[in-house]
N, C-alpha and C. Protein backbone atom coordinates (compact mmCIF):
# COMPACT_ATOMS: atom_id res chain seq x y z
N MET A 1 150.78 140.05 7.59
CA MET A 1 149.21 139.14 7.91
C MET A 1 149.65 137.95 7.81
N SER A 2 149.12 137.02 8.74
CA SER A 2 149.45 135.26 8.81
C SER A 2 148.32 134.87 8.02
N SER A 3 149.03 133.80 7.30
CA SER A 3 148.16 132.59 6.46
C SER A 3 147.17 132.00 7.05
N ARG A 4 145.91 131.87 6.63
CA ARG A 4 144.52 131.22 7.13
C ARG A 4 144.83 129.69 6.91
N ILE A 5 145.70 129.26 6.22
CA ILE A 5 145.73 127.84 5.58
C ILE A 5 146.27 126.94 6.42
N ILE A 6 145.46 125.99 6.91
CA ILE A 6 146.03 125.00 8.05
C ILE A 6 146.56 123.71 7.42
N PRO A 7 147.94 123.42 7.78
CA PRO A 7 148.56 122.46 7.20
C PRO A 7 147.98 121.26 7.17
N LYS A 8 148.22 120.08 6.45
CA LYS A 8 147.73 118.85 6.33
C LYS A 8 148.19 117.98 7.39
N GLU A 9 149.19 118.05 8.17
CA GLU A 9 149.53 117.41 9.04
C GLU A 9 149.06 117.78 10.55
N ARG A 10 148.75 118.90 10.57
CA ARG A 10 147.55 119.48 11.91
C ARG A 10 146.33 119.24 11.87
N LEU A 11 145.62 118.75 10.97
CA LEU A 11 144.32 118.63 10.74
C LEU A 11 144.19 117.12 11.43
N PRO A 12 142.95 116.69 12.03
CA PRO A 12 142.56 115.56 12.47
C PRO A 12 141.87 114.70 11.70
N ALA A 13 142.03 113.47 12.05
CA ALA A 13 141.47 112.20 11.08
C ALA A 13 139.94 112.49 10.88
N CYS A 14 139.58 112.52 9.53
CA CYS A 14 137.97 112.56 9.62
C CYS A 14 137.34 111.24 9.34
N GLN A 15 136.08 111.45 9.48
CA GLN A 15 135.40 110.20 9.30
C GLN A 15 134.36 110.43 8.13
N PRO A 16 133.68 109.55 7.28
CA PRO A 16 132.79 109.66 6.41
C PRO A 16 131.19 109.95 7.24
N TRP A 17 130.94 111.00 6.47
CA TRP A 17 129.68 111.27 6.73
C TRP A 17 128.39 110.31 6.52
N ALA A 18 127.36 109.87 7.77
CA ALA A 18 126.57 108.54 6.90
C ALA A 18 125.03 109.53 7.79
N MET A 19 123.99 108.79 7.16
CA MET A 19 122.76 109.30 7.43
C MET A 19 122.36 109.26 8.84
N ASP A 20 122.70 108.48 9.61
CA ASP A 20 122.24 107.90 11.06
C ASP A 20 123.35 108.62 12.02
N ALA A 21 124.00 109.45 11.28
CA ALA A 21 125.16 110.10 12.31
C ALA A 21 124.25 110.97 13.52
N PHE A 22 123.13 111.67 12.79
CA PHE A 22 122.43 112.35 14.36
C PHE A 22 121.39 111.21 15.06
N ALA A 23 121.45 110.09 14.76
CA ALA A 23 120.45 109.14 15.55
C ALA A 23 120.67 109.33 16.83
N PRO A 24 120.10 109.45 18.00
CA PRO A 24 120.29 109.19 19.30
C PRO A 24 121.20 107.95 19.61
N PRO A 25 122.04 107.69 20.36
CA PRO A 25 122.86 106.74 20.89
C PRO A 25 121.87 105.46 21.58
N ALA A 26 122.06 104.44 21.22
CA ALA A 26 121.31 102.92 22.02
C ALA A 26 121.42 103.23 23.40
N ARG A 27 120.50 102.87 24.00
CA ARG A 27 119.91 102.97 25.69
C ARG A 27 120.52 101.85 26.09
N ALA A 28 121.59 102.03 26.74
CA ALA A 28 121.86 100.56 27.55
C ALA A 28 120.92 100.27 28.47
N ALA A 29 121.10 98.88 28.80
CA ALA A 29 120.16 97.78 29.68
C ALA A 29 120.13 98.57 31.01
N GLU A 30 119.48 98.73 31.78
CA GLU A 30 119.57 99.42 33.27
C GLU A 30 119.75 98.10 34.17
N PRO A 31 120.68 98.54 35.12
CA PRO A 31 121.05 97.14 35.84
C PRO A 31 119.84 96.41 36.74
N GLY A 32 119.83 95.25 36.47
CA GLY A 32 118.81 94.31 37.12
C GLY A 32 117.57 94.34 36.57
N GLY A 33 117.81 94.91 35.32
CA GLY A 33 116.20 94.83 34.30
C GLY A 33 116.37 94.05 33.58
N GLU A 34 115.28 93.73 32.88
CA GLU A 34 114.94 92.82 31.48
C GLU A 34 115.41 93.34 30.32
N SER A 35 115.89 93.06 29.37
CA SER A 35 115.91 93.16 28.18
C SER A 35 114.68 93.59 27.56
N VAL A 36 114.57 94.65 26.47
CA VAL A 36 113.30 94.70 25.69
C VAL A 36 113.23 93.70 24.66
N GLN A 37 112.15 93.19 24.63
CA GLN A 37 111.71 92.01 23.47
C GLN A 37 111.45 93.08 22.49
N CYS A 38 111.97 92.45 21.15
CA CYS A 38 111.40 92.96 19.85
C CYS A 38 110.21 92.56 19.48
N ASP A 39 109.79 92.88 18.47
CA ASP A 39 108.69 92.38 17.95
C ASP A 39 108.58 90.95 17.34
N SER A 40 109.61 90.72 16.92
CA SER A 40 110.27 89.40 16.04
C SER A 40 110.00 88.61 17.08
N ASP A 41 110.31 88.70 18.69
CA ASP A 41 110.32 87.49 19.76
C ASP A 41 109.19 87.23 19.48
N LEU A 42 107.67 87.90 19.46
CA LEU A 42 106.50 87.25 19.50
C LEU A 42 106.46 85.96 18.50
N ASP A 43 106.81 86.11 17.67
CA ASP A 43 106.90 84.94 16.57
C ASP A 43 107.62 83.94 17.07
N ALA A 44 108.47 83.93 17.87
CA ALA A 44 109.29 83.04 18.31
C ALA A 44 108.65 82.26 19.36
N ILE A 45 107.38 82.73 19.78
CA ILE A 45 106.59 81.77 20.61
C ILE A 45 106.38 80.39 20.35
N SER A 46 106.35 79.61 20.97
CA SER A 46 105.95 77.93 20.85
C SER A 46 104.87 77.72 20.48
N PRO A 47 104.44 76.86 19.46
CA PRO A 47 102.66 76.68 19.23
C PRO A 47 102.07 76.01 20.52
N SER A 48 102.92 75.54 21.66
CA SER A 48 102.03 74.99 22.75
C SER A 48 101.74 75.98 23.62
N THR A 49 102.51 77.31 23.80
CA THR A 49 102.83 78.37 24.36
C THR A 49 101.40 79.26 24.06
N ALA A 50 101.35 79.12 22.57
CA ALA A 50 100.20 80.01 21.92
C ALA A 50 99.21 79.43 22.22
N GLY A 51 98.72 77.70 22.17
CA GLY A 51 97.79 77.25 22.42
C GLY A 51 97.13 77.53 24.14
N GLN A 52 98.21 77.61 24.59
CA GLN A 52 97.83 77.85 26.05
C GLN A 52 97.21 79.23 26.53
N ILE A 53 97.57 80.06 25.60
CA ILE A 53 97.37 81.61 25.89
C ILE A 53 95.78 81.37 25.16
N ARG A 54 95.65 81.02 24.27
CA ARG A 54 94.26 80.90 23.49
C ARG A 54 93.42 80.28 24.65
N HIS A 55 93.78 78.89 25.12
CA HIS A 55 93.08 78.08 26.04
C HIS A 55 92.63 79.47 27.03
N ILE A 56 93.39 79.99 27.88
CA ILE A 56 93.22 80.86 28.89
C ILE A 56 92.30 81.79 28.26
N HIS A 57 92.40 82.68 27.34
CA HIS A 57 91.70 83.45 26.67
C HIS A 57 89.97 83.07 26.65
N GLN A 58 89.82 81.75 26.11
CA GLN A 58 88.68 81.23 25.89
C GLN A 58 88.29 80.93 27.19
N GLN A 59 88.67 80.69 28.01
CA GLN A 59 88.33 80.49 29.44
C GLN A 59 87.68 81.39 30.40
N ALA A 60 88.54 82.44 30.19
CA ALA A 60 87.96 83.76 30.50
C ALA A 60 87.08 84.29 29.68
N GLN A 61 87.04 83.97 28.45
CA GLN A 61 85.86 84.53 27.70
C GLN A 61 84.35 84.01 28.15
N GLN A 62 84.67 82.41 28.30
CA GLN A 62 83.75 81.64 28.57
C GLN A 62 82.97 81.81 30.27
N ALA A 63 84.00 82.26 31.04
CA ALA A 63 83.79 82.66 32.44
C ALA A 63 83.00 83.65 32.52
N GLY A 64 83.23 84.90 31.71
CA GLY A 64 82.70 86.01 31.70
C GLY A 64 81.23 85.92 31.20
N TYR A 65 81.03 85.07 30.14
CA TYR A 65 79.81 84.72 29.54
C TYR A 65 78.88 84.08 30.29
N GLU A 66 79.39 83.16 31.08
CA GLU A 66 78.55 82.61 32.33
C GLU A 66 78.19 83.33 33.15
N ALA A 67 78.99 84.13 33.86
CA ALA A 67 78.84 85.18 34.81
C ALA A 67 77.62 86.29 34.46
N GLY A 68 77.87 86.86 33.34
CA GLY A 68 76.95 87.61 32.63
C GLY A 68 75.68 86.89 32.70
N TYR A 69 75.58 85.54 31.83
CA TYR A 69 74.42 84.80 31.92
C TYR A 69 73.61 84.83 33.28
N GLU A 70 74.42 84.23 34.28
CA GLU A 70 73.76 83.92 35.66
C GLU A 70 73.38 85.09 35.96
N ALA A 71 74.12 86.60 35.89
CA ALA A 71 73.35 87.46 36.66
C ALA A 71 72.25 87.79 35.66
N GLY A 72 72.29 87.96 34.51
CA GLY A 72 71.20 88.09 33.66
C GLY A 72 69.51 87.20 34.27
N ARG A 73 70.13 85.92 34.19
CA ARG A 73 69.34 85.21 34.55
C ARG A 73 68.50 85.38 36.12
N ARG A 74 69.17 85.69 37.23
CA ARG A 74 68.89 86.26 38.27
C ARG A 74 68.26 87.45 38.28
N ALA A 75 68.48 88.73 37.15
CA ALA A 75 67.67 89.61 37.40
C ALA A 75 66.36 89.44 36.90
N GLY A 76 66.22 88.92 35.60
CA GLY A 76 65.08 88.14 35.02
C GLY A 76 63.86 87.24 35.94
N HIS A 77 64.67 86.76 36.66
CA HIS A 77 63.89 85.70 37.35
C HIS A 77 63.41 86.44 38.37
N GLU A 78 64.20 87.37 39.12
CA GLU A 78 63.40 88.38 40.16
C GLU A 78 62.57 89.44 39.76
N ALA A 79 62.53 89.87 38.21
CA ALA A 79 61.82 90.47 37.87
C ALA A 79 60.18 89.70 37.59
N ALA A 80 60.70 88.69 37.07
CA ALA A 80 59.46 87.64 36.69
C ALA A 80 58.41 87.41 37.99
N LEU A 81 59.66 87.24 39.37
CA LEU A 81 58.89 86.98 40.38
C LEU A 81 57.80 88.32 40.99
N GLN A 82 58.69 89.38 41.15
CA GLN A 82 57.75 90.64 41.08
C GLN A 82 56.87 90.87 40.45
N ALA A 83 56.68 90.47 39.45
CA ALA A 83 55.66 90.80 38.44
C ALA A 83 54.46 89.66 38.62
N ARG A 84 54.98 88.73 39.08
CA ARG A 84 54.06 87.58 39.21
C ARG A 84 53.27 87.79 40.69
N ASN A 85 54.11 88.54 41.68
CA ASN A 85 53.69 88.74 42.94
C ASN A 85 52.41 89.81 42.93
N VAL A 86 52.95 90.80 42.02
CA VAL A 86 51.87 91.72 41.80
C VAL A 86 50.81 91.29 40.88
N GLN A 87 50.80 90.57 39.95
CA GLN A 87 49.92 90.17 39.31
C GLN A 87 48.69 89.22 40.51
N THR A 88 49.58 88.38 41.36
CA THR A 88 48.87 87.58 42.06
C THR A 88 47.87 88.51 43.27
N ALA A 89 48.80 89.71 43.74
CA ALA A 89 47.88 90.56 44.91
C ALA A 89 46.83 91.13 43.98
N LEU A 90 47.01 91.44 42.64
CA LEU A 90 45.69 91.97 42.07
C LEU A 90 44.46 90.93 41.74
N GLU A 91 44.85 89.66 41.70
CA GLU A 91 43.97 88.67 41.43
C GLU A 91 43.25 88.45 42.92
N VAL A 92 43.83 88.40 43.67
CA VAL A 92 43.38 88.19 45.12
C VAL A 92 42.47 89.10 45.67
N GLU A 93 43.05 90.74 45.57
CA GLU A 93 42.01 91.54 45.47
C GLU A 93 40.75 91.39 44.62
N LYS A 94 40.69 91.18 43.32
CA LYS A 94 39.53 90.89 42.65
C LYS A 94 38.65 89.94 43.22
N LEU A 95 39.62 88.59 43.79
CA LEU A 95 38.50 87.70 44.14
C LEU A 95 38.05 88.00 45.45
N ARG A 96 38.41 88.66 46.16
CA ARG A 96 37.91 89.58 47.72
C ARG A 96 36.69 90.44 47.10
N GLU A 97 37.04 91.13 46.18
CA GLU A 97 35.83 91.84 45.75
C GLU A 97 34.66 90.89 45.26
N ILE A 98 35.05 90.28 44.41
CA ILE A 98 34.06 89.09 44.03
C ILE A 98 32.83 88.50 45.34
N LEU A 99 33.71 87.97 46.16
CA LEU A 99 33.42 87.31 47.65
C LEU A 99 32.88 87.99 48.07
N HIS A 100 32.95 89.57 48.28
CA HIS A 100 32.52 90.53 49.21
C HIS A 100 30.96 90.63 48.40
N GLY A 101 31.02 90.83 47.20
CA GLY A 101 29.72 90.90 46.37
C GLY A 101 28.90 89.68 46.43
N LEU A 102 29.55 88.43 46.45
CA LEU A 102 28.79 87.46 46.69
C LEU A 102 27.97 87.33 48.42
N GLN A 103 28.83 87.58 49.15
CA GLN A 103 28.18 87.64 50.45
C GLN A 103 26.98 88.40 50.45
N LYS A 104 27.18 90.01 50.01
CA LYS A 104 25.93 90.91 49.90
C LYS A 104 24.96 90.38 49.24
N GLU A 105 25.17 89.59 48.06
CA GLU A 105 23.87 88.96 47.61
C GLU A 105 23.38 88.16 48.20
N MET A 106 24.24 87.19 48.80
CA MET A 106 23.55 86.31 49.35
C MET A 106 22.70 86.71 50.82
N ALA A 107 23.36 87.76 51.16
CA ALA A 107 22.47 88.20 52.73
C ALA A 107 21.77 89.01 51.93
N ALA A 108 21.18 89.67 50.88
CA ALA A 108 20.16 89.96 50.51
C ALA A 108 19.19 89.00 50.12
N ALA A 109 19.43 87.89 49.33
CA ALA A 109 18.62 86.77 49.10
C ALA A 109 18.47 85.95 50.44
N ASP A 110 19.21 86.06 51.36
CA ASP A 110 18.55 85.50 52.55
C ASP A 110 17.44 86.43 53.26
N GLN A 111 17.82 87.60 53.44
CA GLN A 111 16.59 88.48 53.94
C GLN A 111 15.35 88.41 53.08
N ALA A 112 15.47 88.56 51.64
CA ALA A 112 14.37 88.33 50.73
C ALA A 112 13.38 86.94 51.07
N ILE A 113 14.20 85.99 51.26
CA ILE A 113 13.97 84.55 51.63
C ILE A 113 12.86 84.51 52.86
N ALA A 114 13.53 85.08 53.93
CA ALA A 114 13.03 85.13 54.97
C ALA A 114 12.07 86.33 55.17
N THR A 115 11.97 87.35 54.35
CA THR A 115 10.81 88.09 54.21
C THR A 115 9.36 87.39 53.70
N ASP A 116 9.89 86.54 52.41
CA ASP A 116 8.82 85.75 51.83
C ASP A 116 8.38 84.64 52.33
N LEU A 117 9.29 84.08 53.26
CA LEU A 117 8.74 82.92 54.42
C LEU A 117 7.89 83.59 55.46
N LEU A 118 7.83 84.66 55.85
CA LEU A 118 7.24 85.33 56.75
C LEU A 118 5.85 85.82 56.31
N ALA A 119 6.20 86.36 55.14
CA ALA A 119 4.62 86.55 54.25
C ALA A 119 3.82 85.34 54.25
N LEU A 120 4.28 84.15 53.78
CA LEU A 120 3.94 83.07 53.33
C LEU A 120 3.01 82.64 54.95
N ALA A 121 3.67 82.41 55.74
CA ALA A 121 3.62 81.76 57.18
C ALA A 121 2.32 82.79 57.70
N LEU A 122 2.24 84.13 57.56
CA LEU A 122 1.25 84.99 57.70
C LEU A 122 -0.04 84.55 57.23
N ASP A 123 0.32 84.40 55.93
CA ASP A 123 -0.84 84.05 54.84
C ASP A 123 -1.53 82.93 55.49
N LEU A 124 -0.87 81.73 55.52
CA LEU A 124 -1.25 80.62 56.18
C LEU A 124 -1.90 80.78 57.49
N ALA A 125 -1.43 81.44 58.21
CA ALA A 125 -2.00 81.68 59.64
C ALA A 125 -3.17 82.41 59.61
N ARG A 126 -3.29 83.27 58.80
CA ARG A 126 -4.86 84.37 58.65
C ARG A 126 -5.83 82.99 57.90
N GLU A 127 -5.34 82.43 57.02
CA GLU A 127 -6.36 81.06 56.53
C GLU A 127 -6.87 80.32 57.69
N MET A 128 -5.81 79.93 58.47
CA MET A 128 -6.06 79.04 59.41
C MET A 128 -6.90 79.59 60.42
N VAL A 129 -6.71 80.58 60.87
CA VAL A 129 -7.76 81.45 61.65
C VAL A 129 -9.16 81.39 61.30
N ARG A 130 -9.25 81.68 60.31
CA ARG A 130 -10.81 82.08 59.57
C ARG A 130 -11.31 80.64 59.54
N GLU A 131 -10.62 79.71 59.02
CA GLU A 131 -11.33 78.39 58.80
C GLU A 131 -11.51 77.67 60.40
N ALA A 132 -10.57 78.04 61.44
CA ALA A 132 -10.94 77.44 62.56
C ALA A 132 -12.04 78.04 63.09
N LEU A 133 -12.54 79.47 62.95
CA LEU A 133 -13.77 80.11 63.70
C LEU A 133 -14.75 79.62 62.92
N ALA A 134 -14.79 79.31 61.66
CA ALA A 134 -15.71 78.87 60.91
C ALA A 134 -16.07 77.37 61.25
N VAL A 135 -15.17 76.58 61.95
CA VAL A 135 -15.59 75.12 62.36
C VAL A 135 -16.28 75.60 63.39
N LYS A 136 -15.26 76.15 64.47
CA LYS A 136 -15.66 76.12 65.86
C LYS A 136 -15.50 77.71 66.26
N PRO A 137 -16.70 78.34 65.92
CA PRO A 137 -17.13 79.66 66.44
C PRO A 137 -16.59 80.11 67.84
N GLU A 138 -16.93 79.06 68.83
CA GLU A 138 -16.62 79.46 70.25
C GLU A 138 -15.36 79.43 70.59
N LEU A 139 -14.48 79.51 69.80
CA LEU A 139 -13.16 80.00 70.10
C LEU A 139 -13.09 81.47 70.18
N MET A 140 -13.97 81.86 69.80
CA MET A 140 -13.93 83.55 70.35
C MET A 140 -14.18 84.20 71.26
N LEU A 141 -15.02 82.81 72.31
CA LEU A 141 -15.42 83.37 73.65
C LEU A 141 -14.08 83.73 74.68
N ALA A 142 -12.96 83.14 74.14
CA ALA A 142 -11.83 83.44 75.02
C ALA A 142 -11.64 84.91 75.02
N VAL A 143 -11.89 85.55 73.72
CA VAL A 143 -11.08 86.96 73.61
C VAL A 143 -12.70 87.68 74.25
N VAL A 144 -13.83 87.47 74.08
CA VAL A 144 -14.93 88.08 74.86
C VAL A 144 -14.74 88.20 76.20
N ARG A 145 -14.38 87.08 76.87
CA ARG A 145 -14.20 86.59 78.31
C ARG A 145 -12.90 87.86 78.83
N GLU A 146 -11.93 87.65 77.81
CA GLU A 146 -10.64 88.53 78.16
C GLU A 146 -11.25 90.12 78.42
N CYS A 147 -11.99 90.43 77.40
CA CYS A 147 -12.45 91.78 77.49
C CYS A 147 -13.39 92.10 78.40
N ILE A 148 -14.24 91.59 78.80
CA ILE A 148 -15.26 91.68 79.85
C ILE A 148 -14.71 91.71 81.26
N ARG A 149 -13.59 91.02 81.45
CA ARG A 149 -13.03 90.87 82.65
C ARG A 149 -12.40 92.11 82.92
N HIS A 150 -12.09 92.78 81.94
CA HIS A 150 -11.77 94.50 82.59
C HIS A 150 -12.54 95.54 82.74
N ASP A 151 -13.76 95.46 82.39
CA ASP A 151 -14.91 96.14 82.52
C ASP A 151 -15.05 97.02 83.67
N SER A 152 -14.93 96.20 84.71
CA SER A 152 -14.93 96.80 85.87
C SER A 152 -14.17 97.73 86.52
N LEU A 153 -12.92 97.63 85.66
CA LEU A 153 -11.81 98.52 85.93
C LEU A 153 -11.96 100.35 85.79
N PHE A 154 -12.93 100.20 84.60
CA PHE A 154 -13.32 101.54 84.36
C PHE A 154 -14.41 102.27 85.21
N GLY A 155 -15.29 101.43 85.72
CA GLY A 155 -16.50 102.12 86.78
C GLY A 155 -17.42 102.36 86.19
N HIS A 156 -17.75 101.90 85.04
CA HIS A 156 -19.12 102.37 84.26
C HIS A 156 -19.62 101.12 83.20
N PRO A 157 -21.03 101.60 83.23
CA PRO A 157 -21.45 100.16 82.11
C PRO A 157 -20.79 99.79 81.12
N ALA A 158 -20.27 98.39 80.67
CA ALA A 158 -19.83 98.41 79.45
C ALA A 158 -20.94 98.14 78.31
N GLN A 159 -20.41 98.38 77.15
CA GLN A 159 -20.91 98.15 75.77
C GLN A 159 -20.37 96.85 75.08
N LEU A 160 -20.95 95.94 74.53
CA LEU A 160 -19.94 94.95 73.94
C LEU A 160 -20.26 95.05 72.64
N HIS A 161 -19.86 94.98 71.59
CA HIS A 161 -20.14 94.88 70.02
C HIS A 161 -19.85 93.60 69.66
N LEU A 162 -20.71 92.88 68.97
CA LEU A 162 -20.81 91.56 68.29
C LEU A 162 -20.98 91.51 67.24
N HIS A 163 -20.51 90.51 66.15
CA HIS A 163 -21.34 90.01 65.06
C HIS A 163 -22.67 89.55 65.29
N PRO A 164 -23.49 89.95 64.58
CA PRO A 164 -24.87 89.16 64.68
C PRO A 164 -25.04 88.00 65.09
N ASN A 165 -23.94 87.07 64.32
CA ASN A 165 -24.11 85.52 64.34
C ASN A 165 -23.20 85.18 65.76
N ASP A 166 -22.63 86.14 66.26
CA ASP A 166 -21.68 85.76 67.87
C ASP A 166 -22.59 86.16 69.00
N VAL A 167 -23.65 86.71 68.91
CA VAL A 167 -24.55 87.55 69.72
C VAL A 167 -25.09 86.16 70.66
N SER A 168 -25.87 85.36 70.19
CA SER A 168 -26.28 84.16 70.56
C SER A 168 -25.37 83.30 71.05
N LEU A 169 -24.37 83.13 70.53
CA LEU A 169 -23.16 82.47 71.33
C LEU A 169 -22.65 82.61 72.47
N VAL A 170 -22.45 84.09 72.32
CA VAL A 170 -22.06 84.66 73.66
C VAL A 170 -22.75 84.60 74.66
N LYS A 171 -24.25 85.11 74.54
CA LYS A 171 -25.16 84.63 75.75
C LYS A 171 -25.41 83.55 75.86
N GLU A 172 -25.32 82.48 75.35
CA GLU A 172 -25.33 81.01 75.70
C GLU A 172 -24.28 80.52 76.37
N HIS A 173 -23.17 81.03 76.27
CA HIS A 173 -22.13 80.43 77.07
C HIS A 173 -21.64 81.61 78.22
N LEU A 174 -21.74 82.78 78.22
CA LEU A 174 -21.06 83.63 78.62
C LEU A 174 -22.07 84.74 79.68
N ASP A 175 -23.36 84.26 79.82
CA ASP A 175 -24.53 84.97 80.11
C ASP A 175 -24.06 85.43 81.36
N HIS A 176 -23.75 84.36 82.51
CA HIS A 176 -23.45 84.55 84.05
C HIS A 176 -22.22 85.32 84.38
N GLU A 177 -21.62 85.61 83.42
CA GLU A 177 -20.25 86.38 83.09
C GLU A 177 -20.45 87.83 82.73
N LEU A 178 -21.66 88.20 82.11
CA LEU A 178 -21.72 89.32 81.60
C LEU A 178 -22.09 90.52 82.18
N GLY A 179 -22.87 90.30 83.43
CA GLY A 179 -23.15 91.38 84.39
C GLY A 179 -23.96 92.10 83.78
N ASP A 180 -23.75 93.57 84.36
CA ASP A 180 -24.40 94.73 83.27
C ASP A 180 -23.76 95.27 81.99
N CYS A 181 -23.10 94.38 81.62
CA CYS A 181 -22.66 94.56 79.82
C CYS A 181 -23.58 94.37 79.11
N ALA A 182 -23.92 95.15 78.32
CA ALA A 182 -25.01 95.52 77.01
C ALA A 182 -24.56 94.81 75.92
N ILE A 183 -24.97 93.86 75.34
CA ILE A 183 -24.60 93.43 74.18
C ILE A 183 -25.40 94.02 72.60
N HIS A 184 -24.44 94.38 71.88
CA HIS A 184 -24.97 95.11 70.78
C HIS A 184 -24.39 94.55 69.38
N ALA A 185 -25.50 94.20 68.75
CA ALA A 185 -25.15 93.44 67.20
C ALA A 185 -24.51 94.21 66.22
N ASP A 186 -23.41 94.20 65.48
CA ASP A 186 -22.79 95.15 65.04
C ASP A 186 -22.27 94.36 63.53
N ALA A 187 -22.92 94.39 62.45
CA ALA A 187 -22.73 93.78 61.38
C ALA A 187 -21.47 94.28 60.51
N ARG A 188 -21.02 95.09 61.05
CA ARG A 188 -19.59 95.61 60.26
C ARG A 188 -18.59 94.68 61.11
N LEU A 189 -18.62 94.09 61.96
CA LEU A 189 -17.98 93.41 62.48
C LEU A 189 -17.48 92.15 62.30
N GLU A 190 -16.48 91.72 61.88
CA GLU A 190 -16.11 90.04 61.46
C GLU A 190 -16.49 89.40 62.55
N ARG A 191 -16.97 88.20 62.37
CA ARG A 191 -17.13 86.89 63.32
C ARG A 191 -15.64 86.74 63.96
N GLY A 192 -15.77 86.56 65.22
CA GLY A 192 -14.66 86.09 65.97
C GLY A 192 -13.97 87.04 66.75
N GLY A 193 -14.44 88.32 66.29
CA GLY A 193 -13.83 89.48 67.03
C GLY A 193 -14.81 90.51 67.99
N CYS A 194 -14.61 91.82 68.76
CA CYS A 194 -15.63 92.18 69.31
C CYS A 194 -14.52 93.64 69.64
N ARG A 195 -15.73 94.44 70.19
CA ARG A 195 -15.16 95.79 70.42
C ARG A 195 -16.11 95.96 71.99
N LEU A 196 -15.40 96.18 72.75
CA LEU A 196 -15.87 96.66 74.23
C LEU A 196 -15.59 98.19 74.59
N GLN A 197 -16.79 99.26 74.74
CA GLN A 197 -16.62 100.40 75.11
C GLN A 197 -17.34 100.80 76.35
N VAL A 198 -16.53 101.50 77.21
CA VAL A 198 -16.81 101.76 78.40
C VAL A 198 -16.79 103.15 78.73
N GLY A 199 -17.38 103.85 78.41
CA GLY A 199 -17.32 105.50 78.74
C GLY A 199 -16.84 105.78 77.26
N ASP A 200 -15.62 106.58 77.29
CA ASP A 200 -14.76 107.15 76.62
C ASP A 200 -13.82 106.44 75.97
N SER A 201 -13.70 105.12 76.89
CA SER A 201 -12.55 104.10 76.68
C SER A 201 -12.90 102.96 75.78
N ARG A 202 -12.10 102.47 74.84
CA ARG A 202 -12.54 101.44 74.04
C ARG A 202 -11.43 100.13 73.81
N ILE A 203 -11.77 99.27 74.02
CA ILE A 203 -11.01 97.95 73.80
C ILE A 203 -11.14 97.23 72.23
N ASP A 204 -10.20 97.34 71.73
CA ASP A 204 -10.80 96.74 70.09
C ASP A 204 -9.89 95.27 69.97
N ALA A 205 -10.77 94.48 69.99
CA ALA A 205 -10.66 93.06 70.16
C ALA A 205 -10.92 92.27 68.59
N THR A 206 -11.01 93.48 67.83
CA THR A 206 -11.40 92.78 66.41
C THR A 206 -10.26 91.97 65.45
N LEU A 207 -10.70 91.03 64.53
CA LEU A 207 -9.67 90.37 64.20
C LEU A 207 -8.87 91.03 63.76
N ALA A 208 -8.93 91.99 62.86
CA ALA A 208 -8.33 93.02 61.80
C ALA A 208 -7.32 93.42 63.00
N THR A 209 -7.60 93.80 64.25
CA THR A 209 -6.27 94.91 64.86
C THR A 209 -5.79 93.98 65.55
N ARG A 210 -6.10 92.56 66.31
CA ARG A 210 -5.30 91.49 66.61
C ARG A 210 -4.21 91.51 65.87
N TRP A 211 -4.60 90.93 64.23
CA TRP A 211 -3.97 90.65 63.50
C TRP A 211 -2.56 91.41 63.01
N GLN A 212 -3.08 92.86 63.00
CA GLN A 212 -2.16 93.70 62.81
C GLN A 212 -1.09 93.86 63.97
N ARG A 213 -1.61 93.76 64.98
CA ARG A 213 -0.42 93.93 66.44
C ARG A 213 0.60 92.54 66.18
N ILE A 214 0.02 91.77 65.75
CA ILE A 214 0.93 89.94 65.63
C ILE A 214 1.77 90.64 64.44
N ALA A 215 1.56 91.28 63.46
CA ALA A 215 2.27 91.52 62.01
C ALA A 215 3.27 92.52 62.70
N GLN A 216 2.82 93.56 63.24
CA GLN A 216 3.99 94.48 63.57
C GLN A 216 4.87 94.07 64.47
N ALA A 217 4.42 92.84 65.36
CA ALA A 217 5.42 92.52 66.50
C ALA A 217 6.44 91.51 65.22
N LEU A 218 6.25 90.99 64.41
CA LEU A 218 7.15 90.28 63.49
C LEU A 218 7.61 91.29 62.49
N GLY A 219 7.61 92.47 62.62
CA GLY A 219 8.09 93.38 61.67
C GLY A 219 7.56 93.83 60.25
N ARG A 220 6.08 93.19 60.21
CA ARG A 220 5.44 93.29 59.05
C ARG A 220 4.44 94.33 59.30
N SER A 221 3.55 94.68 57.92
CA SER A 221 2.34 95.50 58.23
C SER A 221 1.45 94.85 57.21
N ASP A 222 1.40 93.27 57.27
CA ASP A 222 -0.03 92.87 56.37
C ASP A 222 -1.24 93.19 57.18
N ALA A 223 -2.11 93.62 56.11
CA ALA A 223 -3.48 93.83 56.64
C ALA A 223 -4.43 92.58 57.20
N TRP A 224 -5.37 92.34 57.86
CA TRP A 224 -6.02 90.92 57.85
C TRP A 224 -7.10 90.97 56.58
N LEU A 225 -7.22 91.83 56.15
CA LEU A 225 -8.35 91.75 54.59
C LEU A 225 -7.31 91.80 53.33
N GLN A 226 -6.13 91.94 53.58
CA GLN A 226 -5.43 92.13 51.92
C GLN A 226 -5.39 91.11 51.21
N SER A 227 -5.72 89.86 51.68
CA SER A 227 -5.88 88.62 50.55
C SER A 227 -7.27 88.19 50.80
N ALA A 228 -7.86 88.79 51.32
CA ALA A 228 -9.47 88.41 51.50
C ALA A 228 -10.10 88.45 50.16
């Protein structure tokens, strides 16, 4: 049996063991690359370089602030402009409604004024006719003459009805024009008018009827005796 003891002369030289014996070997710098700077190198930056860095940082911060402020200002301006346009459109529409209402009220007022003026004109005309007939009753002769001029068209004797106070006036001025026309006094008739009857036909030339025709032509329904 051979001996397991190795002679000292055959043993290699031994190195003392240390804690970093298992640490990975240092990485060699790659060809053409820059060496890695240690944290301690940052402390080696000169004050002028640090000031430049701070200045650049401040400029970037200020530029970002100004850009954000400008963007916010534009957005706010556009929003305010849109809101103002909407408000303006609403106010314009409201003004249009007010103007339309005023126009309708003015049109109604104009119509009311025109109606009142027409009614006043008819009232004045009615009184003027009455006064004119009272002052100059022979004005009614033109009406009687117009009526008896058509009696020959019917082929029958005519019957002329007059107010009693107008009978003598008609006979005095139109006796030669009456022909076969018979005159009848009718106290129900107002002075200034007459009624001619030929057979079953009748011509109503009373003041009330003539006045009603004038009023209807003017779009009114005023009666001759309504303000009497």
